[in-house]
């Protein structure tokens, strides 16, 4: 038995006035998602725990069967791994944004107007060789990934993840001074390094020709790097060893790729997959169908539903759900449904009103051979809550799928 797990990032939401009291899932035309619900078993899922807004990192760890309350060691290293960086034990990595600040270091835009990847790559060239005056024993590695996103990796002796962020995570607030979160020399050293680098980044970016060009085009300059989420590699057993399966992942976002890679999954690349509204969902589905021929589990992730919520774009989110439905149609039509489980869910609720991750549960549906179907015919937040799965935790999803595949072991005599 094989399984394809589809995750619409931030796909779940709250009822909206603009949609006559419906959620985007309830308002969208989604016959294929509804097919999974009607032909499967449904429920709602708390990615972490009821009322706890999950980060994308902790949510995806949970979806793959790892309890983030036990294994989570920060986001930075996961993002670094997913960006193709070689992260070693002892390295400390930060998730970064190219951002825009004014002359007083007050944040104008945390994403520099969602700077294009090409512009960000040209800016990142200046940071290929960075030498620290006060800490020459530490190597600095900086790499941009997609749009405004980037990674800062520190490699050297006596470093710590116990430091605060420079990113205030709020427009109108000043860039924060990085502080040690415990009273250790390692934390003090790491905080001092990131503060030094923040000044270095700003100095080298504010007069960069790329930013001069952007301003002439009426675009925001990317004149600082904001750092957050210091992390190291988590100590987890790969899913391939836990269940004795071959697994592959189709995802664009570095963070999700990082979580999947440390979980032992093969990372697949899809031409036309962008992580944005223009992503080629049919190409992703085709790749999943090819991958399931040689794998027991394929993880298929779509990002842009989350982007729409963060950008407060109601109709765009509805359209993205309908694109995911188009992807599901391709999967259902072409997969061998006699030996393939199809599961679909979201990693968290992202509210179009607040633009933030919320602690609301998300819908989940699992269809395939051996599934005890229920009476639910519509894939939505409120309908799935009435399904046969009931209310489960994120960490319960993977064991449930693996059990249907016959990959779990009996507990007890």
Protein backbone atom coordinates (compact mmCIF):
# COMPACT_ATOMS: atom_id res chain seq x y z
CA UNK A 1 0.00 0.00 0.00
CA UNK A 2 1.22 3.51 -0.88
CA UNK A 3 0.19 7.00 0.28
CA UNK A 4 0.19 10.55 -1.03
CA UNK A 5 -0.17 13.28 1.60
CA UNK A 6 -1.23 16.68 0.24
CA UNK A 7 -0.77 19.77 2.43
CA UNK A 8 -2.29 23.12 1.50
CA UNK A 9 -0.18 25.52 3.55
CA UNK A 10 -2.39 27.75 5.71
CA UNK A 11 -5.43 26.55 3.74
CA UNK A 12 -7.76 26.53 6.75
CA UNK A 13 -9.33 29.83 7.80
CA UNK A 14 -12.14 31.49 9.71
CA UNK A 15 -15.60 32.58 8.42
CA UNK A 16 -15.41 35.85 6.50
CA UNK A 17 -17.94 38.61 5.95
CA UNK A 18 -16.71 38.98 2.37
CA UNK A 19 -17.70 35.34 1.74
CA UNK A 20 -21.11 35.60 3.44
CA UNK A 21 -19.92 33.88 6.59
CA UNK A 22 -18.09 31.09 4.80
CA UNK A 23 -14.43 30.17 4.99
CA UNK A 24 -12.42 30.16 1.73
CA UNK A 25 -12.59 26.35 1.73
CA UNK A 26 -16.37 26.52 2.08
CA UNK A 27 -16.67 29.16 -0.66
CA UNK A 28 -14.38 27.52 -3.21
CA UNK A 29 -15.46 25.17 -6.00
CA UNK A 30 -13.55 22.03 -5.00
CA UNK A 31 -15.19 18.83 -6.29
CA UNK A 32 -12.00 16.77 -6.04
CA UNK A 33 -11.27 17.74 -2.44
CA UNK A 34 -14.90 16.92 -1.70
CA UNK A 35 -14.40 13.55 -3.43
CA UNK A 36 -11.63 12.70 -0.95
CA UNK A 37 -13.94 13.66 1.92
CA UNK A 38 -16.89 11.68 0.56
CA UNK A 39 -14.83 8.59 -0.18
CA UNK A 40 -12.75 8.73 2.97
CA UNK A 41 -12.80 9.42 6.66
CA UNK A 42 -12.70 13.01 7.92
CA UNK A 43 -11.76 14.87 11.07
CA UNK A 44 -10.18 18.00 12.40
CA UNK A 45 -6.63 18.25 13.62
CA UNK A 46 -4.75 20.43 16.09
CA UNK A 47 -1.25 20.65 14.58
CA UNK A 48 0.29 21.19 18.03
CA UNK A 49 -2.49 21.44 20.60
CA UNK A 50 -5.87 23.21 20.87
CA UNK A 51 -5.50 26.98 20.74
CA UNK A 52 -1.74 26.94 20.03
CA UNK A 53 -0.83 28.79 16.80
CA UNK A 54 1.81 26.60 15.14
CA UNK A 55 4.83 27.79 13.24
CA UNK A 56 5.36 26.23 9.83
CA UNK A 57 8.38 24.40 11.23
CA UNK A 58 6.68 22.83 14.23
CA UNK A 59 3.53 22.08 12.24
CA UNK A 60 5.40 20.13 9.57
CA UNK A 61 7.42 18.24 12.14
CA UNK A 62 4.11 17.21 13.69
CA UNK A 63 2.58 16.21 10.35
CA UNK A 64 5.51 13.87 9.75
CA UNK A 65 4.98 12.25 13.14
CA UNK A 66 7.48 14.08 15.37
CA UNK A 67 6.32 15.73 18.58
CA UNK A 68 7.68 19.29 18.27
CA UNK A 69 7.38 19.77 22.02
CA UNK A 70 10.13 17.14 22.34
CA UNK A 71 12.32 17.53 19.24
CA UNK A 72 12.11 21.16 18.11
CA UNK A 73 15.47 22.97 18.19
CA UNK A 74 14.66 26.18 16.28
CA UNK A 75 13.80 27.04 12.71
CA UNK A 76 17.09 28.34 11.35
CA UNK A 77 18.85 25.02 10.78
CA UNK A 78 15.81 23.48 9.10
CA UNK A 79 15.62 26.40 6.71
CA UNK A 80 19.36 26.13 6.04
CA UNK A 81 19.13 22.42 5.22
CA UNK A 82 16.21 23.08 2.89
CA UNK A 83 18.22 25.78 1.12
CA UNK A 84 20.88 23.23 0.27
CA UNK A 85 23.37 24.27 2.92
CA UNK A 86 25.55 21.73 4.67
CA UNK A 87 24.63 22.12 8.33
CA UNK A 88 26.97 20.47 10.81
CA UNK A 89 26.50 19.65 14.49
CA UNK A 90 27.37 22.79 16.44
CA UNK A 91 26.38 25.18 13.65
CA UNK A 92 23.87 27.87 14.53
CA UNK A 93 21.58 29.06 11.74
CA UNK A 94 19.12 31.93 11.50
CA UNK A 95 16.15 32.50 9.26
CA UNK A 96 16.57 35.91 7.63
CA UNK A 97 14.61 38.47 5.64
CA UNK A 98 15.80 41.14 3.28
CA UNK A 99 13.86 44.10 4.67
CA UNK A 100 13.43 47.86 4.35
CA UNK A 101 14.23 50.28 7.17
CA UNK A 102 14.31 54.08 7.37
CA UNK A 103 17.25 56.20 8.50
CA UNK A 104 16.37 55.47 12.14
CA UNK A 105 16.38 51.69 11.56
CA UNK A 106 12.61 51.60 11.86
CA UNK A 107 11.12 48.76 9.83
CA UNK A 108 9.14 49.98 6.81
CA UNK A 109 8.58 46.56 5.19
CA UNK A 110 9.75 43.23 6.61
CA UNK A 111 9.98 41.68 3.13
CA UNK A 112 11.35 44.63 1.12
CA UNK A 113 8.18 44.59 -0.96
CA UNK A 114 8.59 40.83 -1.48
CA UNK A 115 11.80 41.50 -3.39
CA UNK A 116 12.34 39.39 -6.50
CA UNK A 117 14.73 36.46 -6.11
CA UNK A 118 17.01 37.82 -8.86
CA UNK A 119 17.48 41.14 -7.04
CA UNK A 120 18.07 39.37 -3.73
CA UNK A 121 20.67 37.10 -5.34
CA UNK A 122 22.56 40.10 -6.70
CA UNK A 123 22.53 41.72 -3.27
CA UNK A 124 23.72 38.52 -1.60
CA UNK A 125 26.84 38.48 -3.77
CA UNK A 126 28.41 41.12 -1.53
CA UNK A 127 28.19 38.75 1.45
CA UNK A 128 30.14 35.83 -0.04
CA UNK A 129 33.17 36.62 2.10
CA UNK A 130 32.50 38.06 5.55
CA UNK A 131 35.22 38.40 8.19
CA UNK A 132 34.32 39.20 11.78
CA UNK A 133 36.68 41.65 13.45
CA UNK A 134 35.95 40.58 17.02
CA UNK A 135 35.43 36.87 16.36
CA UNK A 136 37.74 35.70 13.56
CA UNK A 137 37.32 32.09 14.77
CA UNK A 138 33.73 32.04 13.48
CA UNK A 139 32.93 31.48 9.81
CA UNK A 140 29.92 33.36 8.43
CA UNK A 141 27.91 31.81 5.58
CA UNK A 142 25.04 33.79 4.04
CA UNK A 143 22.70 32.52 1.34
CA UNK A 144 19.49 33.88 -0.12
CA UNK A 145 16.77 31.44 -1.15
CA UNK A 146 13.37 32.59 -2.51
CA UNK A 147 12.28 36.24 -2.76
CA UNK A 148 13.08 38.00 0.54
CA UNK A 149 14.14 34.85 2.37
CA UNK A 150 17.72 34.05 3.32
CA UNK A 151 19.85 32.05 5.75
CA UNK A 152 22.67 33.12 8.06
CA UNK A 153 24.83 30.26 9.30
CA UNK A 154 27.54 30.61 11.95
CA UNK A 155 30.21 27.93 12.22
CA UNK A 156 32.82 27.88 14.93
CA UNK A 157 33.49 27.11 18.58
CA UNK A 158 31.39 28.17 21.54
CA UNK A 159 28.15 29.24 19.82
CA UNK A 160 24.60 29.08 21.17
CA UNK A 161 21.03 29.13 19.89
CA UNK A 162 19.96 30.92 23.06
CA UNK A 163 19.79 34.40 21.56
CA UNK A 164 16.93 36.73 20.70
CA UNK A 165 15.94 38.01 17.24
CA UNK A 166 16.90 41.23 15.50
CA UNK A 167 13.58 41.08 13.63
CA UNK A 168 10.83 42.89 15.60
CA UNK A 169 8.29 41.10 13.33
CA UNK A 170 6.28 44.30 13.20
CA UNK A 171 6.28 47.21 10.77
CA UNK A 172 6.94 50.54 12.50
CA UNK A 173 9.19 49.02 15.16
CA UNK A 174 12.93 49.45 15.32
CA UNK A 175 15.40 46.70 14.51
CA UNK A 176 16.10 44.92 17.78
CA UNK A 177 19.40 44.47 19.48
CA UNK A 178 20.17 40.76 19.78
CA UNK A 179 20.50 39.64 23.39
CA UNK A 180 21.61 36.42 25.10
CA UNK A 181 18.72 34.42 26.52
CA UNK A 182 20.84 32.75 29.16
CA UNK A 183 23.86 33.77 31.17
CA UNK A 184 26.49 31.83 29.23
CA UNK A 185 29.60 33.01 27.36
CA UNK A 186 28.34 31.15 24.28
CA UNK A 187 25.07 33.06 24.18
CA UNK A 188 26.80 36.39 24.77
CA UNK A 189 29.29 35.66 21.99
CA UNK A 190 26.57 34.66 19.51
CA UNK A 191 24.46 37.73 20.29
CA UNK A 192 27.48 39.99 19.81
CA UNK A 193 28.23 38.38 16.44
CA UNK A 194 24.68 38.85 15.11
CA UNK A 195 24.64 42.48 16.27
CA UNK A 196 27.93 43.09 14.46
CA UNK A 197 26.56 41.44 11.34
CA UNK A 198 23.33 43.49 11.44
CA UNK A 199 25.39 46.68 11.24
CA UNK A 200 27.57 45.16 8.52
CA UNK A 201 24.56 44.16 6.44
CA UNK A 202 22.98 47.62 6.67
CA UNK A 203 26.23 49.39 5.79
CA UNK A 204 26.77 47.28 2.68
CA UNK A 205 23.18 47.26 1.47
CA UNK A 206 22.00 50.84 1.85
CA UNK A 207 24.21 52.16 -0.99
CA UNK A 208 24.19 49.02 -3.13
CA UNK A 209 23.55 49.66 -6.87
CA UNK A 210 20.69 47.15 -6.88
CA UNK A 211 18.86 49.21 -4.29
CA UNK A 212 19.51 52.41 -6.22
CA UNK A 213 17.97 50.75 -9.26
CA UNK A 214 14.99 49.54 -7.23
CA UNK A 215 14.28 53.00 -5.88
CA UNK A 216 14.41 54.47 -9.40
CA UNK A 217 11.78 51.88 -10.37
CA UNK A 218 9.60 52.93 -7.44
CA UNK A 219 10.42 49.79 -5.45
CA UNK A 220 11.47 49.49 -1.83
CA UNK A 221 15.19 49.07 -1.15
CA UNK A 222 16.34 45.92 0.63
CA UNK A 223 18.68 47.77 2.95
CA UNK A 224 18.99 45.46 5.95
CA UNK A 225 18.91 41.78 6.93
CA UNK A 226 16.62 40.81 9.82
CA UNK A 227 17.47 37.60 11.71
CA UNK A 228 15.27 35.33 13.79
CA UNK A 229 14.74 31.74 14.82
CA UNK A 230 18.22 30.65 15.84
CA UNK A 231 18.36 26.89 15.54
CA UNK A 232 20.44 23.76 15.29
CA UNK A 233 19.74 20.37 13.73
CA UNK A 234 17.07 18.35 15.58
CA UNK A 235 17.95 14.86 16.75
CA UNK A 236 15.24 12.74 15.12
CA UNK A 237 14.99 9.28 13.61
CA UNK A 238 14.25 9.51 9.87
CA UNK A 239 10.77 8.42 8.87
CA UNK A 240 12.38 5.93 6.52
CA UNK A 241 13.86 4.10 9.50
CA UNK A 242 10.89 4.53 11.84
CA UNK A 243 8.51 2.82 9.44
CA UNK A 244 10.80 1.08 6.94
CA UNK A 245 9.50 3.09 3.98
CA UNK A 246 10.88 4.96 1.01
CA UNK A 247 9.61 8.55 1.02
CA UNK A 248 9.86 11.60 -1.23
CA UNK A 249 8.80 15.23 -0.85
CA UNK A 250 7.65 17.79 -3.40
CA UNK A 251 7.96 21.25 -1.91
CA UNK A 252 9.57 24.54 -2.88
CA UNK A 253 9.89 26.44 0.38
CA UNK A 254 13.29 25.93 2.02
CA UNK A 255 11.83 25.41 5.48
CA UNK A 256 9.49 22.62 4.40
CA UNK A 257 12.25 21.05 2.31
CA UNK A 258 14.49 21.17 5.37
CA UNK A 259 11.95 19.43 7.61
CA UNK A 260 11.41 16.75 4.96
CA UNK A 261 15.12 16.24 4.42
CA UNK A 262 15.97 15.77 8.10
CA UNK A 263 13.04 13.32 8.19
CA UNK A 264 14.88 11.24 5.59
CA UNK A 265 12.75 12.07 2.57
CA UNK A 266 14.16 12.47 -0.94
CA UNK A 267 13.64 16.04 -2.18
CA UNK A 268 12.21 16.25 -5.69
CA UNK A 269 12.40 19.27 -8.01
CA UNK A 270 9.50 20.28 -10.25
CA UNK A 271 9.86 22.65 -13.20
CA UNK A 272 7.26 25.40 -12.83
CA UNK A 273 6.82 24.98 -9.08
CA UNK A 274 7.36 28.45 -7.61
CA UNK A 275 5.81 28.60 -4.15
CA UNK A 276 3.66 31.49 -5.37
CA UNK A 277 0.31 31.96 -7.09
CA UNK A 278 1.71 30.94 -10.49
CA UNK A 279 2.95 27.55 -9.32
CA UNK A 280 2.29 24.68 -11.74
CA UNK A 281 0.10 22.37 -9.69
CA UNK A 282 -0.41 19.84 -12.50
CA UNK A 283 3.36 19.47 -12.88
CA UNK A 284 3.57 18.85 -9.13
CA UNK A 285 0.84 16.22 -9.38
CA UNK A 286 2.62 14.54 -12.31
CA UNK A 287 5.83 14.40 -10.30
CA UNK A 288 3.97 12.89 -7.35
CA UNK A 289 2.44 10.23 -9.60
CA UNK A 290 5.87 9.35 -10.95
CA UNK A 291 7.41 9.32 -7.47
CA UNK A 292 4.77 7.03 -5.99
CA UNK A 293 5.86 4.31 -8.40
CA UNK A 294 9.14 3.88 -6.47
CA UNK A 295 8.18 5.28 -3.04
CA UNK A 296 5.81 4.23 -0.28
CA UNK A 297 5.00 7.81 0.72
CA UNK A 298 4.96 11.07 -1.24
CA UNK A 299 4.53 14.39 0.57
CA UNK A 300 3.09 17.13 -1.68
CA UNK A 301 3.07 20.72 -0.43
CA UNK A 302 1.48 23.88 -1.88
CA UNK A 303 2.49 27.21 -0.35
CA UNK A 304 0.45 30.01 -1.92
CA UNK A 305 -2.76 29.53 0.10
CA UNK A 306 -0.72 30.72 3.07
CA UNK A 307 0.75 33.63 1.11
CA UNK A 308 -2.74 34.83 0.21
CA UNK A 309 -3.76 34.92 3.88
CA UNK A 310 -0.62 36.77 4.92
CA UNK A 311 -1.35 39.29 2.15
CA UNK A 312 -5.07 39.57 3.11
CA UNK A 313 -6.17 38.54 -0.42
CA UNK A 314 -9.53 36.80 0.00
CA UNK A 315 -10.29 35.97 -3.62
CA UNK A 316 -6.71 34.92 -4.28
CA UNK A 317 -6.96 32.38 -1.49
CA UNK A 318 -10.20 30.99 -2.92
CA UNK A 319 -8.54 30.73 -6.34
CA UNK A 320 -5.53 28.94 -4.86
CA UNK A 321 -7.80 26.39 -3.15
CA UNK A 322 -9.42 25.81 -6.54
CA UNK A 323 -5.93 25.31 -8.03
CA UNK A 324 -5.19 22.73 -5.34
CA UNK A 325 -8.48 21.08 -6.26
CA UNK A 326 -7.29 20.92 -9.88
CA UNK A 327 -4.13 19.21 -8.63
CA UNK A 328 -6.21 16.76 -6.60
CA UNK A 329 -8.33 15.97 -9.68
CA UNK A 330 -5.18 15.02 -11.57
CA UNK A 331 -4.01 12.82 -8.69
CA UNK A 332 -7.34 11.06 -8.19
CA UNK A 333 -7.84 10.52 -11.91
CA UNK A 334 -4.40 9.01 -12.52
CA UNK A 335 -3.39 7.28 -9.27
CA UNK A 336 -4.01 3.58 -8.74
CA UNK A 337 -6.73 4.01 -6.15
CA UNK A 338 -6.81 0.27 -5.41
CA UNK A 339 -3.41 0.53 -3.75
CA UNK A 340 -2.98 4.24 -2.94
CA UNK A 341 -4.16 6.21 0.07
CA UNK A 342 -4.88 9.89 -0.62
CA UNK A 343 -4.76 12.23 2.40
CA UNK A 344 -5.26 15.98 2.43
CA UNK A 345 -4.98 18.58 5.16
CA UNK A 346 -3.44 21.95 6.09
CA UNK A 347 -0.45 22.58 8.33
CA UNK A 348 -2.23 25.36 10.19
CA UNK A 349 -5.02 27.92 10.01
CA UNK A 350 -3.90 31.24 8.56
CA UNK A 351 -6.44 34.01 9.01
CA UNK A 352 -7.14 36.39 6.14
CA UNK A 353 -8.25 38.95 8.72
CA UNK A 354 -5.20 38.91 10.98
CA UNK A 355 -2.69 37.68 8.42
CA UNK A 356 -1.31 35.38 11.10
CA UNK A 357 -1.25 31.70 12.00
CA UNK A 358 -4.03 30.91 14.44
CA UNK A 359 -4.66 28.11 16.93
CA UNK A 360 -7.80 26.81 15.20
CA UNK A 361 -7.88 23.15 14.12
CA UNK A 362 -7.61 22.23 10.43
CA UNK A 363 -9.65 19.76 8.37
CA UNK A 364 -8.21 16.40 7.35
CA UNK A 365 -9.54 13.70 5.03
CA UNK A 366 -8.06 10.27 4.23
CA UNK A 367 -9.37 8.10 1.40
CA UNK A 368 -8.18 4.72 0.19
CA UNK A 369 -8.43 0.95 0.60
CA UNK A 370 -9.41 -0.15 4.10
CA UNK A 371 -10.56 3.30 5.24
CA UNK A 372 -13.69 3.32 7.39
CA UNK A 373 -15.67 5.97 5.52
CA UNK A 374 -18.10 8.29 7.25
CA UNK A 375 -21.03 10.42 6.08
CA UNK A 376 -19.08 13.61 5.29
CA UNK A 377 -19.32 14.76 1.67
CA UNK A 378 -17.67 18.18 1.82
CA UNK A 379 -14.07 19.07 2.69
CA UNK A 380 -14.27 22.03 5.05
CA UNK A 381 -13.48 23.15 8.56
CA UNK A 382 -16.98 22.67 9.94
CA UNK A 383 -18.02 19.60 7.96
CA UNK A 384 -14.87 17.60 8.68
CA UNK A 385 -15.34 18.28 12.39
CA UNK A 386 -18.31 15.88 12.25
CA UNK A 387 -16.29 13.04 10.69
CA UNK A 388 -15.22 9.65 11.92
CA UNK A 389 -11.64 10.62 12.75
CA UNK A 390 -12.86 13.04 15.38
CA UNK A 391 -10.32 15.53 16.69
CA UNK A 392 -6.71 14.40 16.46
CA UNK A 393 -3.26 15.96 16.96
CA UNK A 394 -0.84 16.67 14.16
CA UNK A 395 1.52 14.02 15.52
CA UNK A 396 -1.26 11.43 15.12
CA UNK A 397 -1.62 11.86 11.36
CA UNK A 398 1.45 9.98 10.15
CA UNK A 399 0.88 6.91 12.38
CA UNK A 400 -2.72 6.82 11.10
CA UNK A 401 -1.55 6.83 7.47
CA UNK A 402 1.21 4.31 8.18
CA UNK A 403 -1.26 2.03 9.94
CA UNK A 404 -3.44 1.99 6.82
CA UNK A 405 -0.32 1.06 4.86
CA UNK A 406 0.46 -1.77 7.26
CA UNK A 407 3.70 -0.13 8.39
CA UNK A 408 3.09 0.22 12.14
CA UNK A 409 4.01 -2.31 14.81
CA UNK A 410 1.83 -3.66 17.57
CA UNK A 411 2.32 -2.04 20.97
CA UNK A 412 2.36 -4.63 23.74
CA UNK A 413 2.17 -8.42 23.75
